[in-house]
């Protein structure tokens, strides 16, 4: 369990932060940027939940908890020495739950005939914002995984990929199952 007695420690005043395994990295480090963007996604979901119905709110609450798991996963790099504890990692069942939630939400939404612009309801707009931040987190995670000496689990990347799909479908669900979607009209303002 996490216990914080003091919020400020001054240990980051030199531009570094501690990873979960104790090593210090620059606050500009790609790993730190990646889990920071996961945290940013989570904050966007907090805004969306202010406007979500009870069913969608429960799904978003589970995602927010998963995003803390993902942040812990990314903040605990795999190294040559085993850790004295079992690190928290994203697992396949979390990805599978997102897939089930996507399918459940999408079952009542008609197919789209054009790209959907962010908007409609407040909940939908915030979910679109979360989706785009999630896509940035995914790009960063893929970049991190491609960096020599860095390991990111396939499940972590799969989770981010599936989450952006979930957030798109959830945004349509929040727009009365697509009825209030704002559709792109190509060349409409020429």
N, C-alpha and C. Protein backbone atom coordinates (compact mmCIF):
# COMPACT_ATOMS: atom_id res chain seq x y z
N UNK A 1 0.84 -1.18 0.00
CA UNK A 1 0.00 0.00 0.00
C UNK A 1 0.89 1.24 0.00
N UNK A 2 0.45 2.24 -0.70
CA UNK A 2 1.19 3.50 -0.78
C UNK A 2 0.81 4.36 0.42
N UNK A 3 1.82 4.96 1.03
CA UNK A 3 1.58 5.86 2.16
C UNK A 3 2.45 7.09 1.95
N UNK A 4 1.82 8.25 1.82
CA UNK A 4 2.55 9.50 1.62
C UNK A 4 2.29 10.41 2.82
N UNK A 5 3.34 10.69 3.55
CA UNK A 5 3.21 11.61 4.67
C UNK A 5 3.55 13.04 4.25
N UNK A 6 4.54 13.15 3.36
CA UNK A 6 4.96 14.46 2.88
C UNK A 6 4.76 14.49 1.37
N UNK A 7 4.24 15.59 0.89
CA UNK A 7 4.02 15.71 -0.54
C UNK A 7 5.28 16.20 -1.25
N UNK A 8 6.00 17.09 -0.64
CA UNK A 8 7.23 17.55 -1.26
C UNK A 8 8.43 16.95 -0.53
N UNK A 9 9.42 16.55 -1.33
CA UNK A 9 10.62 15.94 -0.76
C UNK A 9 11.89 16.69 -1.14
N UNK A 10 11.77 17.55 -2.13
CA UNK A 10 12.90 18.33 -2.68
C UNK A 10 13.90 17.47 -3.45
N UNK A 11 13.66 16.15 -3.53
CA UNK A 11 14.61 15.30 -4.24
C UNK A 11 14.57 15.51 -5.75
N UNK A 12 13.51 16.08 -6.25
CA UNK A 12 13.40 16.34 -7.68
C UNK A 12 13.81 17.73 -8.10
N UNK A 13 14.32 18.50 -7.15
CA UNK A 13 14.70 19.88 -7.46
C UNK A 13 15.84 19.97 -8.47
N UNK A 14 16.57 18.89 -8.65
CA UNK A 14 17.67 18.90 -9.60
C UNK A 14 17.24 18.37 -10.98
N UNK A 15 15.93 18.19 -11.18
CA UNK A 15 15.42 17.74 -12.47
C UNK A 15 15.40 16.24 -12.65
N UNK A 16 15.53 15.49 -11.55
CA UNK A 16 15.45 14.03 -11.63
C UNK A 16 14.28 13.54 -10.81
N UNK A 17 13.90 12.30 -11.07
CA UNK A 17 12.84 11.65 -10.30
C UNK A 17 13.23 10.20 -10.09
N UNK A 18 12.63 9.57 -9.09
CA UNK A 18 12.93 8.17 -8.79
C UNK A 18 11.93 7.26 -9.48
N UNK A 19 12.44 6.21 -10.10
CA UNK A 19 11.58 5.15 -10.61
C UNK A 19 11.24 4.23 -9.45
N UNK A 20 10.34 3.30 -9.67
CA UNK A 20 9.89 2.41 -8.60
C UNK A 20 11.01 1.53 -8.06
N UNK A 21 12.03 1.25 -8.88
CA UNK A 21 13.14 0.42 -8.42
C UNK A 21 14.22 1.23 -7.72
N UNK A 22 14.01 2.54 -7.57
CA UNK A 22 14.95 3.39 -6.84
C UNK A 22 15.93 4.16 -7.72
N UNK A 23 16.11 3.73 -8.97
CA UNK A 23 17.05 4.48 -9.81
C UNK A 23 16.49 5.85 -10.15
N UNK A 24 17.39 6.80 -10.30
CA UNK A 24 17.00 8.17 -10.62
C UNK A 24 17.16 8.40 -12.11
N UNK A 25 16.19 9.09 -12.67
CA UNK A 25 16.21 9.44 -14.08
C UNK A 25 15.82 10.90 -14.23
N UNK A 26 16.24 11.49 -15.34
CA UNK A 26 15.84 12.85 -15.66
C UNK A 26 14.32 12.90 -15.82
N UNK A 27 13.74 14.00 -15.42
CA UNK A 27 12.30 14.16 -15.62
C UNK A 27 11.95 14.27 -17.10
N UNK A 28 12.96 14.46 -17.95
CA UNK A 28 12.77 14.49 -19.40
C UNK A 28 13.00 13.11 -20.03
N UNK A 29 13.30 12.09 -19.24
CA UNK A 29 13.55 10.74 -19.72
C UNK A 29 12.30 10.19 -20.41
N UNK A 30 12.50 9.42 -21.47
CA UNK A 30 11.38 8.88 -22.23
C UNK A 30 10.47 8.00 -21.38
N UNK A 31 11.03 7.23 -20.46
CA UNK A 31 10.19 6.39 -19.59
C UNK A 31 9.31 7.26 -18.70
N UNK A 32 9.88 8.32 -18.15
CA UNK A 32 9.12 9.23 -17.29
C UNK A 32 8.04 9.94 -18.11
N UNK A 33 8.40 10.37 -19.32
CA UNK A 33 7.44 11.00 -20.22
C UNK A 33 6.28 10.05 -20.55
N UNK A 34 6.60 8.79 -20.72
CA UNK A 34 5.57 7.80 -21.06
C UNK A 34 4.59 7.61 -19.92
N UNK A 35 5.08 7.34 -18.71
CA UNK A 35 4.12 7.12 -17.63
C UNK A 35 3.46 8.42 -17.19
N UNK A 36 4.11 9.55 -17.44
CA UNK A 36 3.46 10.84 -17.19
C UNK A 36 2.29 11.07 -18.13
N UNK A 37 2.41 10.62 -19.36
CA UNK A 37 1.32 10.78 -20.32
C UNK A 37 0.19 9.80 -20.01
N UNK A 38 0.51 8.65 -19.46
CA UNK A 38 -0.53 7.74 -18.97
C UNK A 38 -1.31 8.43 -17.84
N UNK A 39 -0.60 9.12 -16.96
CA UNK A 39 -1.24 9.86 -15.87
C UNK A 39 -2.12 10.98 -16.42
N UNK A 40 -1.66 11.63 -17.47
CA UNK A 40 -2.45 12.68 -18.11
C UNK A 40 -3.74 12.10 -18.70
N UNK A 41 -3.65 10.93 -19.31
CA UNK A 41 -4.85 10.24 -19.81
C UNK A 41 -5.83 10.01 -18.67
N UNK A 42 -5.32 9.56 -17.54
CA UNK A 42 -6.15 9.29 -16.38
C UNK A 42 -6.87 10.55 -15.91
N UNK A 43 -6.17 11.67 -15.92
CA UNK A 43 -6.79 12.93 -15.50
C UNK A 43 -7.92 13.34 -16.44
N UNK A 44 -7.73 13.11 -17.73
CA UNK A 44 -8.80 13.39 -18.69
C UNK A 44 -10.03 12.52 -18.40
N UNK A 45 -9.80 11.28 -18.00
CA UNK A 45 -10.92 10.40 -17.67
C UNK A 45 -11.66 10.89 -16.43
N UNK A 46 -10.94 11.48 -15.50
CA UNK A 46 -11.60 12.07 -14.33
C UNK A 46 -12.59 13.14 -14.73
N UNK A 47 -12.23 13.94 -15.73
CA UNK A 47 -13.16 14.96 -16.24
C UNK A 47 -14.36 14.30 -16.93
N UNK A 48 -14.11 13.29 -17.73
CA UNK A 48 -15.20 12.62 -18.43
C UNK A 48 -16.19 12.00 -17.45
N UNK A 49 -15.67 11.43 -16.37
CA UNK A 49 -16.54 10.77 -15.39
C UNK A 49 -17.52 11.73 -14.72
N UNK A 50 -17.18 13.02 -14.69
CA UNK A 50 -18.11 14.00 -14.12
C UNK A 50 -19.41 14.07 -14.92
N UNK A 51 -19.37 13.61 -16.16
CA UNK A 51 -20.52 13.72 -17.06
C UNK A 51 -21.05 12.37 -17.53
N UNK A 52 -20.47 11.28 -17.04
CA UNK A 52 -20.84 9.94 -17.52
C UNK A 52 -22.05 9.39 -16.77
N UNK A 53 -22.83 8.55 -17.47
CA UNK A 53 -23.91 7.85 -16.77
C UNK A 53 -23.29 6.75 -15.89
N UNK A 54 -24.11 6.13 -15.08
CA UNK A 54 -23.60 5.18 -14.09
C UNK A 54 -22.88 3.99 -14.73
N UNK A 55 -23.43 3.47 -15.82
CA UNK A 55 -22.83 2.31 -16.49
C UNK A 55 -21.44 2.65 -17.04
N UNK A 56 -21.34 3.75 -17.76
CA UNK A 56 -20.06 4.16 -18.33
C UNK A 56 -19.09 4.58 -17.24
N UNK A 57 -19.60 5.21 -16.19
CA UNK A 57 -18.75 5.62 -15.07
C UNK A 57 -18.06 4.42 -14.43
N UNK A 58 -18.77 3.31 -14.29
CA UNK A 58 -18.15 2.09 -13.72
C UNK A 58 -17.01 1.60 -14.61
N UNK A 59 -17.24 1.61 -15.92
CA UNK A 59 -16.19 1.18 -16.84
C UNK A 59 -14.98 2.11 -16.76
N UNK A 60 -15.25 3.41 -16.72
CA UNK A 60 -14.15 4.38 -16.67
C UNK A 60 -13.40 4.29 -15.35
N UNK A 61 -14.10 3.98 -14.27
CA UNK A 61 -13.44 3.80 -12.97
C UNK A 61 -12.47 2.63 -13.01
N UNK A 62 -12.86 1.54 -13.66
CA UNK A 62 -11.96 0.39 -13.80
C UNK A 62 -10.74 0.76 -14.63
N UNK A 63 -10.96 1.54 -15.69
CA UNK A 63 -9.85 1.98 -16.54
C UNK A 63 -8.89 2.86 -15.74
N UNK A 64 -9.44 3.78 -14.94
CA UNK A 64 -8.57 4.65 -14.15
C UNK A 64 -7.68 3.83 -13.23
N UNK A 65 -8.23 2.81 -12.62
CA UNK A 65 -7.42 1.95 -11.75
C UNK A 65 -6.35 1.22 -12.57
N UNK A 66 -6.74 0.72 -13.75
CA UNK A 66 -5.77 0.07 -14.64
C UNK A 66 -4.64 1.01 -15.02
N UNK A 67 -4.97 2.29 -15.24
CA UNK A 67 -3.94 3.24 -15.65
C UNK A 67 -2.92 3.46 -14.53
N UNK A 68 -3.33 3.35 -13.28
CA UNK A 68 -2.34 3.40 -12.19
C UNK A 68 -1.48 2.14 -12.22
N UNK A 69 -2.10 0.98 -12.53
CA UNK A 69 -1.31 -0.25 -12.71
C UNK A 69 -0.30 -0.06 -13.84
N UNK A 70 -0.75 0.53 -14.94
CA UNK A 70 0.13 0.74 -16.08
C UNK A 70 1.25 1.70 -15.73
N UNK A 71 0.93 2.75 -15.00
CA UNK A 71 1.97 3.69 -14.56
C UNK A 71 3.00 2.99 -13.69
N UNK A 72 2.54 2.12 -12.79
CA UNK A 72 3.47 1.36 -11.94
C UNK A 72 4.32 0.42 -12.79
N UNK A 73 3.70 -0.20 -13.78
CA UNK A 73 4.42 -1.09 -14.69
C UNK A 73 5.54 -0.32 -15.40
N UNK A 74 5.19 0.82 -15.99
CA UNK A 74 6.16 1.61 -16.74
C UNK A 74 7.22 2.24 -15.83
N UNK A 75 6.88 2.51 -14.58
CA UNK A 75 7.83 3.12 -13.65
C UNK A 75 8.77 2.09 -13.02
N UNK A 76 8.57 0.81 -13.36
CA UNK A 76 9.41 -0.27 -12.83
C UNK A 76 10.06 -1.00 -13.99
N UNK A 77 11.18 -0.45 -14.48
CA UNK A 77 11.82 -1.09 -15.63
C UNK A 77 12.38 -2.47 -15.28
N UNK A 78 12.33 -3.35 -16.26
CA UNK A 78 12.97 -4.65 -16.09
C UNK A 78 14.46 -4.45 -16.21
N UNK A 79 15.19 -5.08 -15.32
CA UNK A 79 16.65 -4.93 -15.33
C UNK A 79 17.34 -6.27 -15.19
N UNK A 80 18.65 -6.23 -15.14
CA UNK A 80 19.41 -7.48 -15.05
C UNK A 80 19.26 -8.18 -13.70
N UNK A 81 18.98 -7.41 -12.65
CA UNK A 81 18.82 -7.99 -11.32
C UNK A 81 17.34 -8.09 -10.96
N UNK A 82 16.93 -9.22 -10.39
CA UNK A 82 15.53 -9.32 -9.95
C UNK A 82 15.25 -8.35 -8.80
N UNK A 83 14.03 -7.84 -8.76
CA UNK A 83 13.63 -6.94 -7.69
C UNK A 83 13.28 -7.74 -6.44
N UNK A 84 13.36 -7.13 -5.27
CA UNK A 84 13.02 -7.86 -4.04
C UNK A 84 11.51 -8.01 -3.84
N UNK A 85 10.73 -7.61 -4.84
CA UNK A 85 9.26 -7.72 -4.79
C UNK A 85 8.76 -8.03 -6.19
N UNK A 86 7.54 -8.50 -6.28
CA UNK A 86 6.92 -8.78 -7.58
C UNK A 86 6.35 -7.48 -8.13
N UNK A 87 6.91 -6.96 -9.23
CA UNK A 87 6.41 -5.70 -9.76
C UNK A 87 5.01 -5.85 -10.36
N UNK A 88 4.24 -4.80 -10.25
CA UNK A 88 2.90 -4.78 -10.82
C UNK A 88 3.02 -4.60 -12.33
N UNK A 89 2.40 -5.47 -13.08
CA UNK A 89 2.45 -5.44 -14.53
C UNK A 89 1.02 -5.52 -15.09
N UNK A 90 0.82 -4.91 -16.24
CA UNK A 90 -0.44 -5.07 -16.97
C UNK A 90 -0.48 -6.51 -17.46
N UNK A 91 -1.66 -7.14 -17.38
CA UNK A 91 -1.80 -8.53 -17.79
C UNK A 91 -2.87 -8.64 -18.88
N UNK A 92 -2.86 -9.76 -19.58
CA UNK A 92 -3.76 -9.97 -20.71
C UNK A 92 -5.24 -9.82 -20.32
N UNK A 93 -5.60 -10.21 -19.11
CA UNK A 93 -7.02 -10.13 -18.72
C UNK A 93 -7.51 -8.68 -18.67
N UNK A 94 -6.62 -7.73 -18.42
CA UNK A 94 -7.03 -6.32 -18.43
C UNK A 94 -7.31 -5.87 -19.87
N UNK A 95 -6.52 -6.32 -20.82
CA UNK A 95 -6.77 -6.03 -22.23
C UNK A 95 -8.08 -6.68 -22.66
N UNK A 96 -8.30 -7.91 -22.25
CA UNK A 96 -9.51 -8.64 -22.61
C UNK A 96 -10.77 -7.98 -22.04
N UNK A 97 -10.68 -7.44 -20.82
CA UNK A 97 -11.83 -6.73 -20.25
C UNK A 97 -12.18 -5.52 -21.10
N UNK A 98 -11.16 -4.78 -21.56
CA UNK A 98 -11.42 -3.65 -22.44
C UNK A 98 -12.13 -4.11 -23.71
N UNK A 99 -11.71 -5.23 -24.27
CA UNK A 99 -12.34 -5.74 -25.49
C UNK A 99 -13.80 -6.09 -25.23
N UNK A 100 -14.09 -6.70 -24.09
CA UNK A 100 -15.49 -7.02 -23.75
C UNK A 100 -16.30 -5.73 -23.60
N UNK A 101 -15.71 -4.72 -22.96
CA UNK A 101 -16.42 -3.45 -22.78
C UNK A 101 -16.66 -2.76 -24.12
N UNK A 102 -15.67 -2.81 -25.01
CA UNK A 102 -15.85 -2.24 -26.35
C UNK A 102 -17.02 -2.93 -27.05
N UNK A 103 -17.03 -4.25 -27.03
CA UNK A 103 -18.09 -5.00 -27.70
C UNK A 103 -19.45 -4.70 -27.09
N UNK A 104 -19.53 -4.60 -25.77
CA UNK A 104 -20.81 -4.32 -25.11
C UNK A 104 -21.33 -2.93 -25.49
N UNK A 105 -20.45 -1.93 -25.47
CA UNK A 105 -20.88 -0.58 -25.83
C UNK A 105 -21.23 -0.49 -27.31
N UNK A 106 -20.45 -1.11 -28.14
CA UNK A 106 -20.61 -0.99 -29.59
C UNK A 106 -21.83 -1.74 -30.12
N UNK A 107 -22.36 -2.66 -29.34
CA UNK A 107 -23.49 -3.49 -29.78
C UNK A 107 -24.72 -2.66 -30.14
N UNK A 108 -24.90 -1.51 -29.50
CA UNK A 108 -26.10 -0.71 -29.74
C UNK A 108 -25.83 0.55 -30.56
N UNK A 109 -24.60 0.71 -31.03
CA UNK A 109 -24.23 1.92 -31.77
C UNK A 109 -24.20 1.60 -33.26
N UNK A 110 -24.92 2.39 -34.07
CA UNK A 110 -24.86 2.12 -35.51
C UNK A 110 -23.49 2.46 -36.09
N UNK A 111 -23.12 1.79 -37.19
CA UNK A 111 -21.83 2.09 -37.81
C UNK A 111 -21.76 3.55 -38.25
N UNK A 112 -20.55 4.11 -38.24
CA UNK A 112 -20.38 5.50 -38.67
C UNK A 112 -20.25 5.57 -40.18
N UNK A 113 -20.67 6.70 -40.73
CA UNK A 113 -20.61 6.91 -42.17
C UNK A 113 -19.57 7.98 -42.51
N UNK A 114 -18.95 8.56 -41.49
CA UNK A 114 -17.93 9.57 -41.67
C UNK A 114 -17.08 9.57 -40.41
N UNK A 115 -15.94 10.24 -40.46
CA UNK A 115 -15.16 10.40 -39.24
C UNK A 115 -15.95 11.24 -38.26
N UNK A 116 -15.73 10.98 -36.97
CA UNK A 116 -16.45 11.69 -35.91
C UNK A 116 -15.55 12.78 -35.36
N UNK A 117 -16.06 14.00 -35.32
CA UNK A 117 -15.32 15.11 -34.73
C UNK A 117 -15.50 15.08 -33.21
N UNK A 118 -14.48 15.44 -32.45
CA UNK A 118 -14.64 15.50 -31.00
C UNK A 118 -15.73 16.50 -30.63
N UNK A 119 -16.67 16.05 -29.85
CA UNK A 119 -17.74 16.95 -29.42
C UNK A 119 -19.02 16.20 -29.17
N UNK A 120 -20.11 16.92 -29.30
CA UNK A 120 -21.42 16.37 -28.95
C UNK A 120 -21.70 16.73 -27.51
N UNK A 121 -21.62 15.75 -26.64
CA UNK A 121 -21.83 16.00 -25.21
C UNK A 121 -20.49 16.32 -24.53
N UNK A 122 -20.57 16.86 -23.33
CA UNK A 122 -19.35 17.14 -22.56
C UNK A 122 -18.58 15.85 -22.29
N UNK A 123 -19.30 14.80 -21.93
CA UNK A 123 -18.63 13.52 -21.65
C UNK A 123 -17.89 13.03 -22.89
N UNK A 124 -18.55 13.10 -24.03
CA UNK A 124 -17.93 12.65 -25.27
C UNK A 124 -16.69 13.47 -25.60
N UNK A 125 -16.77 14.78 -25.45
CA UNK A 125 -15.62 15.64 -25.75
C UNK A 125 -14.43 15.29 -24.86
N UNK A 126 -14.68 15.06 -23.58
CA UNK A 126 -13.59 14.68 -22.67
C UNK A 126 -13.03 13.30 -23.01
N UNK A 127 -13.90 12.39 -23.44
CA UNK A 127 -13.42 11.06 -23.83
C UNK A 127 -12.56 11.15 -25.09
N UNK A 128 -12.91 12.02 -26.01
CA UNK A 128 -12.07 12.23 -27.19
C UNK A 128 -10.71 12.82 -26.78
N UNK A 129 -10.73 13.75 -25.85
CA UNK A 129 -9.47 14.30 -25.35
C UNK A 129 -8.62 13.18 -24.73
N UNK A 130 -9.24 12.35 -23.90
CA UNK A 130 -8.53 11.22 -23.29
C UNK A 130 -8.00 10.28 -24.36
N UNK A 131 -8.78 10.05 -25.42
CA UNK A 131 -8.35 9.17 -26.51
C UNK A 131 -7.09 9.69 -27.18
N UNK A 132 -7.04 10.99 -27.44
CA UNK A 132 -5.86 11.53 -28.13
C UNK A 132 -4.63 11.53 -27.23
N UNK A 133 -4.82 11.77 -25.95
CA UNK A 133 -3.70 11.71 -25.01
C UNK A 133 -3.23 10.26 -24.87
N UNK A 134 -4.18 9.33 -24.86
CA UNK A 134 -3.84 7.90 -24.80
C UNK A 134 -3.04 7.49 -26.02
N UNK A 135 -3.41 7.99 -27.19
CA UNK A 135 -2.65 7.67 -28.41
C UNK A 135 -1.22 8.19 -28.31
N UNK A 136 -1.05 9.37 -27.69
CA UNK A 136 0.30 9.90 -27.49
C UNK A 136 1.08 8.99 -26.54
N UNK A 137 0.41 8.53 -25.46
CA UNK A 137 1.06 7.61 -24.52
C UNK A 137 1.48 6.33 -25.23
N UNK A 138 0.63 5.84 -26.13
CA UNK A 138 0.95 4.63 -26.89
C UNK A 138 2.17 4.86 -27.79
N UNK A 139 2.21 6.00 -28.47
CA UNK A 139 3.37 6.29 -29.32
C UNK A 139 4.65 6.36 -28.50
N UNK A 140 4.56 6.97 -27.33
CA UNK A 140 5.72 7.06 -26.45
C UNK A 140 6.15 5.67 -25.97
N UNK A 141 5.18 4.83 -25.61
CA UNK A 141 5.49 3.47 -25.13
C UNK A 141 6.16 2.65 -26.24
N UNK A 142 5.68 2.80 -27.46
CA UNK A 142 6.28 2.08 -28.59
C UNK A 142 7.71 2.59 -28.81
N UNK A 143 7.90 3.89 -28.72
CA UNK A 143 9.23 4.47 -28.86
C UNK A 143 10.15 3.97 -27.74
N UNK A 144 9.63 3.93 -26.52
CA UNK A 144 10.41 3.43 -25.39
C UNK A 144 10.81 1.98 -25.61
N UNK A 145 9.86 1.17 -26.08
CA UNK A 145 10.14 -0.25 -26.32
C UNK A 145 11.21 -0.44 -27.40
N UNK A 146 11.30 0.51 -28.31
CA UNK A 146 12.29 0.42 -29.40
C UNK A 146 13.66 0.97 -28.99
N UNK A 147 13.75 1.51 -27.78
CA UNK A 147 15.00 2.09 -27.29
C UNK A 147 15.88 0.99 -26.70
N UNK A 148 17.13 0.98 -27.10
CA UNK A 148 18.06 -0.03 -26.60
C UNK A 148 18.14 0.03 -25.08
N UNK A 149 18.03 -1.13 -24.46
CA UNK A 149 18.13 -1.22 -23.01
C UNK A 149 16.82 -1.01 -22.27
N UNK A 150 15.76 -0.68 -22.99
CA UNK A 150 14.46 -0.45 -22.35
C UNK A 150 13.51 -1.57 -22.74
N UNK A 151 12.72 -2.02 -21.80
CA UNK A 151 11.74 -3.08 -22.05
C UNK A 151 10.37 -2.57 -21.66
N UNK A 152 9.43 -2.74 -22.56
CA UNK A 152 8.02 -2.47 -22.29
C UNK A 152 7.28 -3.74 -22.69
N UNK A 153 6.43 -4.23 -21.82
CA UNK A 153 5.75 -5.49 -22.12
C UNK A 153 4.76 -5.32 -23.27
N UNK A 154 4.57 -6.37 -24.03
CA UNK A 154 3.55 -6.31 -25.10
C UNK A 154 2.17 -5.99 -24.55
N UNK A 155 1.86 -6.49 -23.36
CA UNK A 155 0.54 -6.23 -22.77
C UNK A 155 0.32 -4.75 -22.47
N UNK A 156 1.38 -4.05 -22.07
CA UNK A 156 1.26 -2.62 -21.80
C UNK A 156 0.91 -1.87 -23.07
N UNK A 157 1.58 -2.20 -24.16
CA UNK A 157 1.30 -1.54 -25.43
C UNK A 157 -0.08 -1.95 -25.95
N UNK A 158 -0.43 -3.21 -25.81
CA UNK A 158 -1.76 -3.68 -26.21
C UNK A 158 -2.85 -2.94 -25.43
N UNK A 159 -2.61 -2.76 -24.13
CA UNK A 159 -3.61 -2.07 -23.30
C UNK A 159 -3.84 -0.66 -23.83
N UNK A 160 -2.78 0.07 -24.10
CA UNK A 160 -2.93 1.44 -24.60
C UNK A 160 -3.63 1.46 -25.95
N UNK A 161 -3.29 0.53 -26.82
CA UNK A 161 -3.94 0.47 -28.13
C UNK A 161 -5.43 0.19 -27.98
N UNK A 162 -5.77 -0.77 -27.16
CA UNK A 162 -7.17 -1.12 -26.95
C UNK A 162 -7.91 -0.01 -26.22
N UNK A 163 -7.22 0.67 -25.31
CA UNK A 163 -7.87 1.74 -24.56
C UNK A 163 -8.32 2.87 -25.48
N UNK A 164 -7.49 3.23 -26.45
CA UNK A 164 -7.91 4.31 -27.35
C UNK A 164 -9.14 3.88 -28.15
N UNK A 165 -9.22 2.60 -28.53
CA UNK A 165 -10.42 2.09 -29.20
C UNK A 165 -11.63 2.17 -28.27
N UNK A 166 -11.43 1.74 -27.03
CA UNK A 166 -12.51 1.82 -26.05
C UNK A 166 -13.00 3.26 -25.87
N UNK A 167 -12.05 4.20 -25.78
CA UNK A 167 -12.45 5.59 -25.56
C UNK A 167 -13.21 6.16 -26.75
N UNK A 168 -12.87 5.73 -27.96
CA UNK A 168 -13.64 6.16 -29.13
C UNK A 168 -15.08 5.64 -29.05
N UNK A 169 -15.22 4.35 -28.78
CA UNK A 169 -16.56 3.76 -28.69
C UNK A 169 -17.32 4.37 -27.51
N UNK A 170 -16.64 4.59 -26.40
CA UNK A 170 -17.29 5.20 -25.23
C UNK A 170 -17.75 6.62 -25.55
N UNK A 171 -16.98 7.35 -26.35
CA UNK A 171 -17.39 8.72 -26.72
C UNK A 171 -18.67 8.68 -27.55
N UNK A 172 -18.81 7.68 -28.39
CA UNK A 172 -20.03 7.53 -29.18
C UNK A 172 -21.19 7.11 -28.29
N UNK A 173 -20.93 6.24 -27.33
CA UNK A 173 -21.98 5.83 -26.38
C UNK A 173 -22.46 7.04 -25.58
N UNK A 174 -21.52 7.91 -25.19
CA UNK A 174 -21.87 9.11 -24.42
C UNK A 174 -22.66 10.11 -25.26
N UNK A 175 -22.59 9.97 -26.57
CA UNK A 175 -23.38 10.82 -27.47
C UNK A 175 -24.67 10.10 -27.88
N UNK A 176 -25.35 9.56 -26.89
CA UNK A 176 -26.60 8.84 -27.11
C UNK A 176 -26.44 7.80 -28.22
N UNK A 177 -25.47 6.93 -28.02
CA UNK A 177 -25.18 5.85 -28.96
C UNK A 177 -24.98 6.37 -30.39
N UNK A 178 -24.28 7.47 -30.50
CA UNK A 178 -23.94 8.02 -31.80
C UNK A 178 -24.93 9.02 -32.36
N UNK A 179 -26.10 9.14 -31.76
CA UNK A 179 -27.13 10.06 -32.27
C UNK A 179 -26.67 11.51 -32.25
N UNK A 180 -25.84 11.86 -31.27
CA UNK A 180 -25.36 13.24 -31.15
C UNK A 180 -23.93 13.41 -31.65
N UNK A 181 -23.39 12.41 -32.35
CA UNK A 181 -22.05 12.53 -32.91
C UNK A 181 -22.00 13.72 -33.88
N UNK A 182 -20.87 14.40 -33.87
CA UNK A 182 -20.62 15.47 -34.82
C UNK A 182 -19.76 14.87 -35.91
N UNK A 183 -20.29 14.81 -37.12
CA UNK A 183 -19.59 14.13 -38.21
C UNK A 183 -18.78 15.12 -39.05
N UNK A 184 -17.64 14.64 -39.50
CA UNK A 184 -16.79 15.41 -40.40
C UNK A 184 -17.46 15.45 -41.77
N UNK A 185 -17.52 16.65 -42.35
CA UNK A 185 -18.01 16.84 -43.71
C UNK A 185 -16.83 17.31 -44.54
N UNK A 186 -16.21 16.42 -45.30
CA UNK A 186 -15.03 16.79 -46.06
C UNK A 186 -15.27 18.00 -46.97
N UNK A 187 -14.38 19.00 -46.87
CA UNK A 187 -14.46 20.18 -47.73
C UNK A 187 -15.64 21.08 -47.48
N UNK A 188 -16.30 20.96 -46.32
CA UNK A 188 -17.51 21.71 -46.05
C UNK A 188 -17.31 23.22 -46.03
N UNK A 189 -16.13 23.67 -45.74
CA UNK A 189 -15.90 25.11 -45.59
C UNK A 189 -15.03 25.69 -46.68
N UNK A 190 -14.99 25.09 -47.83
CA UNK A 190 -14.19 25.61 -48.95
C UNK A 190 -14.83 26.83 -49.53
